[in-house]
Protein backbone atom coordinates (compact mmCIF):
# COMPACT_ATOMS: atom_id res chain seq x y z
CA UNK A 1 5.85 7.20 -6.72
CA UNK A 2 3.73 8.17 -9.49
CA UNK A 3 2.81 6.19 -12.24
CA UNK A 4 5.38 8.13 -14.61
CA UNK A 5 7.99 6.86 -12.63
CA UNK A 6 7.01 2.98 -13.09
CA UNK A 7 6.27 3.47 -16.43
CA UNK A 8 9.61 4.93 -17.18
CA UNK A 9 11.60 2.48 -15.21
CA UNK A 10 9.78 -0.38 -17.00
CA UNK A 11 10.66 1.11 -20.41
CA UNK A 12 14.16 1.66 -19.54
CA UNK A 13 14.43 -2.23 -18.48
CA UNK A 14 12.65 -3.02 -21.73
CA UNK A 15 14.80 -1.07 -23.77
CA UNK A 16 18.16 -2.11 -22.35
CA UNK A 17 19.28 0.87 -20.73
CA UNK A 18 22.51 0.33 -18.60
CA UNK A 19 21.95 -0.22 -14.95
CA UNK A 20 24.30 2.85 -14.01
CA UNK A 21 22.13 5.13 -15.96
CA UNK A 22 18.93 3.91 -14.60
CA UNK A 23 20.35 3.85 -10.84
CA UNK A 24 20.98 7.47 -11.41
CA UNK A 25 17.95 8.31 -12.95
CA UNK A 26 15.94 6.43 -10.29
CA UNK A 27 18.02 8.43 -7.67
CA UNK A 28 17.69 11.63 -9.30
CA UNK A 29 13.81 11.47 -9.61
CA UNK A 30 13.57 10.58 -5.79
CA UNK A 31 16.06 13.54 -4.98
CA UNK A 32 18.30 11.20 -3.38
CA UNK A 33 21.91 12.39 -2.96
CA UNK A 34 24.53 11.38 -5.50
CA UNK A 35 26.70 8.15 -4.80
CA UNK A 36 30.10 8.49 -3.30
CA UNK A 37 32.46 10.45 -5.64
CA UNK A 38 34.52 7.25 -6.81
CA UNK A 39 31.44 5.25 -7.65
CA UNK A 40 29.88 8.06 -10.20
CA UNK A 41 30.18 6.87 -13.55
CA UNK A 42 29.41 9.26 -16.56
CA UNK A 43 26.12 7.18 -17.32
CA UNK A 44 25.20 7.36 -13.69
CA UNK A 45 25.66 11.19 -13.68
CA UNK A 46 23.79 11.56 -17.15
CA UNK A 47 20.96 9.61 -15.53
CA UNK A 48 21.06 11.48 -12.23
CA UNK A 49 20.94 14.76 -14.00
CA UNK A 50 18.08 13.63 -16.35
CA UNK A 51 16.11 12.16 -13.39
CA UNK A 52 16.22 15.35 -11.41
CA UNK A 53 14.58 17.18 -14.34
CA UNK A 54 12.32 14.27 -14.84
CA UNK A 55 13.61 13.89 -18.47
CA UNK A 56 14.04 10.91 -20.56
CA UNK A 57 15.41 12.44 -23.91
CA UNK A 58 18.96 10.96 -23.69
CA UNK A 59 18.36 7.65 -22.07
CA UNK A 60 18.67 5.75 -25.70
CA UNK A 61 22.16 6.79 -25.70
CA UNK A 62 22.98 4.81 -22.44
CA UNK A 63 22.00 1.28 -23.69
CA UNK A 64 23.85 -1.56 -21.84
């Protein structure tokens, strides 16, 4: 992983971002497959979509 990944995850942890959003973002960033359909939440999907784009603009919308 590159340093941007670690910096972003640390920032999300420090900012109190929801675990579902963080899991989605990390999975999207690493291009992992989505969770099983019944386990996908709105926060996870938003994180996954942002992670695939390596975007963090809306992470503040998903505070725990």
